[in-house]
Amino acid sequence: MSSVSIECVAKEGCRIGESPVWDEKEGALLFVDITGRKVCRWSPVTRQAQAIPVDAPVSSVALRKSGGYVITLGTRFAALEWKEELVTTITQVDKDKANTRFNDGKVDPAGRYFAGTMAEEIRPAVLERRQGSLYTLFPDLSVVKHFDQVDISNGLDWSLDHRTFFYIDSLSYSVDAFDYDLQTGKIGNRRSIYKLEKEESIPDGMCIDTEGKLWVACYDGGRVIRLDPETGKRLQTVKLPVDKTTSCCFGGKDYSEMFVTSASDGMDKEWLSQQPQAGGIFKITGLGVKGVPPYPFAG
């Protein structure tokens, strides 16, 4: 094992940092601050983050084949033109619900944007249960709803052979797998592949490495864990200096660096004084594995 090193590269003080995505073309890390209502882009060259403010909680960002980005904003899928700082609504979901918002989202290997909703939180991880749903935005801009009764729709990714879709509904404390049809984008045969242990706390964002193993950020657990989806075993734990680790992705020149987002919402002054890097972006090196580049939305 090479030695693992952790560095806070962007002391952004995000309220809820989320959805890290490596933008290879820009050589930069995208992420969002959900309750801070901004989409950010951090450059490892300047070591600065640029931010674009938006008009609603923004919960995920993805690359777009035709240029710019796509985001989940409130209950909308929207397009973001970075230079113009222009946001355009693509379509809206959950029209029958007054109190939901999108949460995590990610693009599948065929260029479809998967994202799920949840009820607005009263306090972090305290909310009306089973108000969320999981949706897909197709490249033709149509939307399909897969299922509802979701608590906190969260981490998503696909197996290396694209036959399995991995998904987290945070308050089930479980990482689930579905059979996946890449041709149609249909999912089925849901099963749990890992149940979190008490000290791991709440499963949040997730990514996959080139060995087909999953990395899950544990909210309130202050760690990312590496899981084998075949055996259901935990292979590795990397602890971070903040409790509210929210999501993770691989990036950097050869996708060998891991970036982890974090949150500060729900922390009082004393807690924040003990964890001054809460809400920052962390870079983990020396994991000895690489990640899979993100897929761009094809629409």
Foldseek 3Di string as FASTA:
>chain_A
DFDKDKDQLFLPQAQFKAAWAQDQVVCWIWIFRFVQQWIWTAHPVVSDIDIQHDDAGWAYWFFAPVGFIWTFGFQFIWGAHPVVSDIGTLDGPPPVDDFKGKHDWAAAPLQKIKTKMAGDAPAVLHGDFFAMWIWIQALVRDMDTQDTRAHHWAAWYAFPVRQKIWTDRFVVQFIWIWGADPVVRHTHDIDTLEHDDVLLATWHYWFAFPVRWIWTRRAQNQWIWIADSVNSDTDDIDGHLARGWHYWAFDDPQSQKMKIAFRDGPPDPVNCVSRVSGRTIMIMHDPPTGGDHGDHRHD
